[in-house]
């Protein structure tokens, strides 16, 4: 699933930030490749890696620091 629309990509990232447990759900496979715009891939990667580090609901500061 590639998200071409920037607004939809932003909404999807918002959902992942608010509920990073979505990453663990096999039903919803979202990867960096699903985001065609670099800024969205960067944010996705930060949120995903923070999730892997155990950060639940990362803040803007967490994401900014990671980037």
PDB file of N, CA and C in Angstrom:
ATOM      1  N   UNK A   1       0.838  -1.161   0.000  1.00  0.00           N
ATOM      2  CA  UNK A   1       0.000   0.000   0.000  1.00  0.00           C
ATOM      3  C   UNK A   1       0.893   1.237   0.000  1.00  0.00           C
ATOM      4  N   UNK A   2       0.903   1.977  -1.043  1.00  0.00           N
ATOM      5  CA  UNK A   2       1.661   3.229  -1.098  1.00  0.00           C
ATOM      6  C   UNK A   2       0.674   4.374  -0.910  1.00  0.00           C
ATOM      7  N   UNK A   3       0.983   5.250   0.019  1.00  0.00           N
ATOM      8  CA  UNK A   3       0.116   6.383   0.330  1.00  0.00           C
ATOM      9  C   UNK A   3       0.604   7.583  -0.461  1.00  0.00           C
ATOM     10  N   UNK A   4      -0.094   7.898  -1.544  1.00  0.00           N
ATOM     11  CA  UNK A   4       0.311   9.009  -2.412  1.00  0.00           C
ATOM     12  C   UNK A   4      -0.142  10.358  -1.875  1.00  0.00           C
ATOM     13  N   UNK A   5      -1.316  10.413  -1.283  1.00  0.00           N
ATOM     14  CA  UNK A   5      -1.888  11.663  -0.800  1.00  0.00           C
ATOM     15  C   UNK A   5      -1.172  12.103   0.483  1.00  0.00           C
ATOM     16  N   UNK A   6      -0.662  13.308   0.482  1.00  0.00           N
ATOM     17  CA  UNK A   6       0.104  13.811   1.631  1.00  0.00           C
ATOM     18  C   UNK A   6      -0.744  13.903   2.896  1.00  0.00           C
ATOM     19  N   UNK A   7      -2.002  14.295   2.750  1.00  0.00           N
ATOM     20  CA  UNK A   7      -2.870  14.424   3.913  1.00  0.00           C
ATOM     21  C   UNK A   7      -3.141  13.049   4.529  1.00  0.00           C
ATOM     22  N   UNK A   8      -3.373  12.057   3.700  1.00  0.00           N
ATOM     23  CA  UNK A   8      -3.607  10.706   4.206  1.00  0.00           C
ATOM     24  C   UNK A   8      -2.343  10.170   4.871  1.00  0.00           C
ATOM     25  N   UNK A   9      -1.191  10.447   4.282  1.00  0.00           N
ATOM     26  CA  UNK A   9       0.078  10.011   4.881  1.00  0.00           C
ATOM     27  C   UNK A   9       0.257  10.652   6.255  1.00  0.00           C
ATOM     28  N   UNK A  10      -0.067  11.936   6.367  1.00  0.00           N
ATOM     29  CA  UNK A  10       0.055  12.626   7.649  1.00  0.00           C
ATOM     30  C   UNK A  10      -0.911  12.035   8.673  1.00  0.00           C
ATOM     31  N   UNK A  11      -2.116  11.698   8.245  1.00  0.00           N
ATOM     32  CA  UNK A  11      -3.092  11.100   9.151  1.00  0.00           C
ATOM     33  C   UNK A  11      -2.641   9.718   9.611  1.00  0.00           C
ATOM     34  N   UNK A  12      -2.079   8.946   8.696  1.00  0.00           N
ATOM     35  CA  UNK A  12      -1.571   7.627   9.050  1.00  0.00           C
ATOM     36  C   UNK A  12      -0.427   7.747  10.054  1.00  0.00           C
ATOM     37  N   UNK A  13       0.479   8.683   9.829  1.00  0.00           N
ATOM     38  CA  UNK A  13       1.566   8.902  10.782  1.00  0.00           C
ATOM     39  C   UNK A  13       1.012   9.333  12.139  1.00  0.00           C
ATOM     40  N   UNK A  14       0.000  10.164  12.140  1.00  0.00           N
ATOM     41  CA  UNK A  14      -0.628  10.577  13.392  1.00  0.00           C
ATOM     42  C   UNK A  14      -1.195   9.392  14.153  1.00  0.00           C
ATOM     43  N   UNK A  15      -1.829   8.476  13.439  1.00  0.00           N
ATOM     44  CA  UNK A  15      -2.364   7.262  14.062  1.00  0.00           C
ATOM     45  C   UNK A  15      -1.237   6.424  14.658  1.00  0.00           C
ATOM     46  N   UNK A  16      -0.137   6.299  13.940  1.00  0.00           N
ATOM     47  CA  UNK A  16       0.990   5.512  14.427  1.00  0.00           C
ATOM     48  C   UNK A  16       1.648   6.170  15.644  1.00  0.00           C
ATOM     49  N   UNK A  17       1.668   7.486  15.673  1.00  0.00           N
ATOM     50  CA  UNK A  17       2.242   8.203  16.814  1.00  0.00           C
ATOM     51  C   UNK A  17       1.351   8.038  18.045  1.00  0.00           C
ATOM     52  N   UNK A  18       0.032   8.145  17.848  1.00  0.00           N
ATOM     53  CA  UNK A  18      -0.894   8.021  18.972  1.00  0.00           C
ATOM     54  C   UNK A  18      -1.031   6.584  19.458  1.00  0.00           C
ATOM     55  N   UNK A  19      -0.854   5.624  18.557  1.00  0.00           N
ATOM     56  CA  UNK A  19      -1.018   4.219  18.921  1.00  0.00           C
ATOM     57  C   UNK A  19       0.052   3.374  18.239  1.00  0.00           C
ATOM     58  N   UNK A  20       1.296   3.426  18.720  1.00  0.00           N
ATOM     59  CA  UNK A  20       2.377   2.690  18.072  1.00  0.00           C
ATOM     60  C   UNK A  20       2.236   1.176  18.155  1.00  0.00           C
ATOM     61  N   UNK A  21       1.320   0.692  18.994  1.00  0.00           N
ATOM     62  CA  UNK A  21       1.095  -0.757  19.052  1.00  0.00           C
ATOM     63  C   UNK A  21       0.554  -1.301  17.738  1.00  0.00           C
ATOM     64  N   UNK A  22       0.128  -0.423  16.862  1.00  0.00           N
ATOM     65  CA  UNK A  22      -0.311  -0.849  15.526  1.00  0.00           C
ATOM     66  C   UNK A  22       0.820  -1.591  14.817  1.00  0.00           C
ATOM     67  N   UNK A  23       2.055  -1.228  15.104  1.00  0.00           N
ATOM     68  CA  UNK A  23       3.196  -1.898  14.473  1.00  0.00           C
ATOM     69  C   UNK A  23       3.216  -3.392  14.774  1.00  0.00           C
ATOM     70  N   UNK A  24       2.715  -3.781  15.936  1.00  0.00           N
ATOM     71  CA  UNK A  24       2.736  -5.190  16.345  1.00  0.00           C
ATOM     72  C   UNK A  24       1.587  -5.992  15.747  1.00  0.00           C
ATOM     73  N   UNK A  25       0.608  -5.323  15.190  1.00  0.00           N
ATOM     74  CA  UNK A  25      -0.566  -5.998  14.649  1.00  0.00           C
ATOM     75  C   UNK A  25      -0.270  -6.513  13.241  1.00  0.00           C
ATOM     76  N   UNK A  26      -0.308  -7.815  13.078  1.00  0.00           N
ATOM     77  CA  UNK A  26      -0.019  -8.434  11.776  1.00  0.00           C
ATOM     78  C   UNK A  26      -1.039  -8.032  10.705  1.00  0.00           C
ATOM     79  N   UNK A  27      -2.216  -7.610  11.122  1.00  0.00           N
ATOM     80  CA  UNK A  27      -3.267  -7.220  10.182  1.00  0.00           C
ATOM     81  C   UNK A  27      -2.912  -5.943   9.419  1.00  0.00           C
ATOM     82  N   UNK A  28      -2.128  -5.074  10.081  1.00  0.00           N
ATOM     83  CA  UNK A  28      -1.772  -3.782   9.494  1.00  0.00           C
ATOM     84  C   UNK A  28      -0.267  -3.725   9.262  1.00  0.00           C
ATOM     85  N   UNK A  29       0.149  -3.993   8.075  1.00  0.00           N
ATOM     86  CA  UNK A  29       1.571  -3.935   7.733  1.00  0.00           C
ATOM     87  C   UNK A  29       1.856  -2.592   7.081  1.00  0.00           C
ATOM     88  N   UNK A  30       2.561  -1.758   7.779  1.00  0.00           N
ATOM     89  CA  UNK A  30       2.954  -0.456   7.254  1.00  0.00           C
ATOM     90  C   UNK A  30       4.473  -0.413   7.283  1.00  0.00           C
ATOM     91  N   UNK A  31       5.056  -0.033   6.167  1.00  0.00           N
ATOM     92  CA  UNK A  31       6.512   0.047   6.087  1.00  0.00           C
ATOM     93  C   UNK A  31       6.933   1.409   5.558  1.00  0.00           C
ATOM     94  N   UNK A  32       8.206   1.674   5.645  1.00  0.00           N
ATOM     95  CA  UNK A  32       8.768   2.922   5.139  1.00  0.00           C
ATOM     96  C   UNK A  32       8.475   3.076   3.642  1.00  0.00           C
ATOM     97  N   UNK A  33       8.446   1.977   2.938  1.00  0.00           N
ATOM     98  CA  UNK A  33       8.214   2.010   1.489  1.00  0.00           C
ATOM     99  C   UNK A  33       6.804   2.476   1.120  1.00  0.00           C
ATOM    100  N   UNK A  34       5.903   2.498   2.092  1.00  0.00           N
ATOM    101  CA  UNK A  34       4.536   2.943   1.832  1.00  0.00           C
ATOM    102  C   UNK A  34       4.420   4.458   1.708  1.00  0.00           C
ATOM    103  N   UNK A  35       5.487   5.159   2.027  1.00  0.00           N
ATOM    104  CA  UNK A  35       5.479   6.625   2.002  1.00  0.00           C
ATOM    105  C   UNK A  35       6.387   7.129   0.888  1.00  0.00           C
ATOM    106  N   UNK A  36       5.820   7.697  -0.183  1.00  0.00           N
ATOM    107  CA  UNK A  36       6.643   8.143  -1.303  1.00  0.00           C
ATOM    108  C   UNK A  36       7.402   9.451  -1.043  1.00  0.00           C
ATOM    109  N   UNK A  37       6.987  10.203  -0.037  1.00  0.00           N
ATOM    110  CA  UNK A  37       7.629  11.490   0.247  1.00  0.00           C
ATOM    111  C   UNK A  37       8.660  11.330   1.365  1.00  0.00           C
ATOM    112  N   UNK A  38       9.833  11.896   1.160  1.00  0.00           N
ATOM    113  CA  UNK A  38      10.958  11.714   2.082  1.00  0.00           C
ATOM    114  C   UNK A  38      10.629  12.133   3.509  1.00  0.00           C
ATOM    115  N   UNK A  39       9.934  13.243   3.674  1.00  0.00           N
ATOM    116  CA  UNK A  39       9.639  13.719   5.028  1.00  0.00           C
ATOM    117  C   UNK A  39       8.799  12.698   5.785  1.00  0.00           C
ATOM    118  N   UNK A  40       7.863  12.070   5.098  1.00  0.00           N
ATOM    119  CA  UNK A  40       7.021  11.058   5.748  1.00  0.00           C
ATOM    120  C   UNK A  40       7.832   9.803   6.089  1.00  0.00           C
ATOM    121  N   UNK A  41       8.761   9.440   5.215  1.00  0.00           N
ATOM    122  CA  UNK A  41       9.612   8.272   5.491  1.00  0.00           C
ATOM    123  C   UNK A  41      10.503   8.532   6.705  1.00  0.00           C
ATOM    124  N   UNK A  42      10.999   9.746   6.825  1.00  0.00           N
ATOM    125  CA  UNK A  42      11.860  10.099   7.961  1.00  0.00           C
ATOM    126  C   UNK A  42      11.061  10.026   9.264  1.00  0.00           C
ATOM    127  N   UNK A  43       9.874  10.602   9.271  1.00  0.00           N
ATOM    128  CA  UNK A  43       9.041  10.571  10.470  1.00  0.00           C
ATOM    129  C   UNK A  43       8.631   9.145  10.799  1.00  0.00           C
ATOM    130  N   UNK A  44       8.231   8.373   9.779  1.00  0.00           N
ATOM    131  CA  UNK A  44       7.858   6.982   9.998  1.00  0.00           C
ATOM    132  C   UNK A  44       9.011   6.213  10.639  1.00  0.00           C
ATOM    133  N   UNK A  45      10.190   6.366  10.101  1.00  0.00           N
ATOM    134  CA  UNK A  45      11.355   5.648  10.620  1.00  0.00           C
ATOM    135  C   UNK A  45      11.622   6.030  12.075  1.00  0.00           C
ATOM    136  N   UNK A  46      11.501   7.298  12.391  1.00  0.00           N
ATOM    137  CA  UNK A  46      11.708   7.742  13.773  1.00  0.00           C
ATOM    138  C   UNK A  46      10.673   7.116  14.700  1.00  0.00           C
ATOM    139  N   UNK A  47       9.411   7.168  14.316  1.00  0.00           N
ATOM    140  CA  UNK A  47       8.338   6.614  15.153  1.00  0.00           C
ATOM    141  C   UNK A  47       8.514   5.110  15.321  1.00  0.00           C
ATOM    142  N   UNK A  48       8.839   4.429  14.232  1.00  0.00           N
ATOM    143  CA  UNK A  48       9.015   2.975  14.287  1.00  0.00           C
ATOM    144  C   UNK A  48      10.200   2.600  15.181  1.00  0.00           C
ATOM    145  N   UNK A  49      11.310   3.272  15.031  1.00  0.00           N
ATOM    146  CA  UNK A  49      12.484   2.955  15.846  1.00  0.00           C
ATOM    147  C   UNK A  49      12.268   3.314  17.315  1.00  0.00           C
ATOM    148  N   UNK A  50      11.562   4.385  17.575  1.00  0.00           N
ATOM    149  CA  UNK A  50      11.222   4.710  18.954  1.00  0.00           C
ATOM    150  C   UNK A  50      10.320   3.636  19.548  1.00  0.00           C
ATOM    151  N   UNK A  51       9.391   3.135  18.751  1.00  0.00           N
ATOM    152  CA  UNK A  51       8.526   2.034  19.197  1.00  0.00           C
ATOM    153  C   UNK A  51       9.381   0.812  19.547  1.00  0.00           C
ATOM    154  N   UNK A  52      10.332   0.483  18.692  1.00  0.00           N
ATOM    155  CA  UNK A  52      11.206  -0.663  18.956  1.00  0.00           C
ATOM    156  C   UNK A  52      12.023  -0.468  20.232  1.00  0.00           C
ATOM    157  N   UNK A  53      12.297   0.784  20.586  1.00  0.00           N
ATOM    158  CA  UNK A  53      13.043   1.096  21.802  1.00  0.00           C
ATOM    159  C   UNK A  53      12.142   1.149  23.039  1.00  0.00           C
ATOM    160  N   UNK A  54      10.842   0.930  22.824  1.00  0.00           N
ATOM    161  CA  UNK A  54       9.910   0.889  23.949  1.00  0.00           C
ATOM    162  C   UNK A  54       9.220   2.194  24.272  1.00  0.00           C
ATOM    163  N   UNK A  55       9.326   3.180  23.397  1.00  0.00           N
ATOM    164  CA  UNK A  55       8.671   4.469  23.635  1.00  0.00           C
ATOM    165  C   UNK A  55       7.208   4.361  23.197  1.00  0.00           C
ATOM    166  N   UNK A  56       6.302   4.500  24.165  1.00  0.00           N
ATOM    167  CA  UNK A  56       4.864   4.479  23.869  1.00  0.00           C
ATOM    168  C   UNK A  56       4.391   5.916  23.688  1.00  0.00           C
ATOM    169  N   UNK A  57       3.679   6.154  22.619  1.00  0.00           N
ATOM    170  CA  UNK A  57       3.177   7.490  22.304  1.00  0.00           C
ATOM    171  C   UNK A  57       4.293   8.529  22.313  1.00  0.00           C
ATOM    172  N   UNK A  58       5.183   8.466  21.341  1.00  0.00           N
ATOM    173  CA  UNK A  58       6.291   9.422  21.306  1.00  0.00           C
ATOM    174  C   UNK A  58       5.789  10.856  21.145  1.00  0.00           C
ATOM    175  N   UNK A  59       6.457  11.759  21.808  1.00  0.00           N
ATOM    176  CA  UNK A  59       6.113  13.178  21.696  1.00  0.00           C
ATOM    177  C   UNK A  59       6.841  13.778  20.491  1.00  0.00           C
ATOM    178  N   UNK A  60       6.451  14.986  20.157  1.00  0.00           N
ATOM    179  CA  UNK A  60       7.141  15.704  19.080  1.00  0.00           C
ATOM    180  C   UNK A  60       8.614  15.848  19.441  1.00  0.00           C
ATOM    181  N   UNK A  61       8.886  16.107  20.715  1.00  0.00           N
ATOM    182  CA  UNK A  61      10.282  16.248  21.165  1.00  0.00           C
ATOM    183  C   UNK A  61      11.041  14.940  20.990  1.00  0.00           C
ATOM    184  N   UNK A  62      10.397  13.802  21.305  1.00  0.00           N
ATOM    185  CA  UNK A  62      11.047  12.504  21.119  1.00  0.00           C
ATOM    186  C   UNK A  62      11.417  12.295  19.649  1.00  0.00           C
ATOM    187  N   UNK A  63      10.464  12.581  18.776  1.00  0.00           N
ATOM    188  CA  UNK A  63      10.689  12.384  17.340  1.00  0.00           C
ATOM    189  C   UNK A  63      11.765  13.338  16.840  1.00  0.00           C
ATOM    190  N   UNK A  64      11.685  14.590  17.259  1.00  0.00           N
ATOM    191  CA  UNK A  64      12.679  15.598  16.838  1.00  0.00           C
ATOM    192  C   UNK A  64      14.065  15.220  17.319  1.00  0.00           C
ATOM    193  N   UNK A  65      14.169  14.742  18.544  1.00  0.00           N
ATOM    194  CA  UNK A  65      15.464  14.341  19.088  1.00  0.00           C
ATOM    195  C   UNK A  65      16.014  13.147  18.321  1.00  0.00           C
ATOM    196  N   UNK A  66      15.145  12.204  17.980  1.00  0.00           N
ATOM    197  CA  UNK A  66      15.588  11.029  17.246  1.00  0.00           C
ATOM    198  C   UNK A  66      16.120  11.414  15.861  1.00  0.00           C
ATOM    199  N   UNK A  67      15.385  12.303  15.207  1.00  0.00           N
ATOM    200  CA  UNK A  67      15.791  12.732  13.857  1.00  0.00           C
ATOM    201  C   UNK A  67      17.078  13.509  13.938  1.00  0.00           C
TER     202      UNK A  67
END
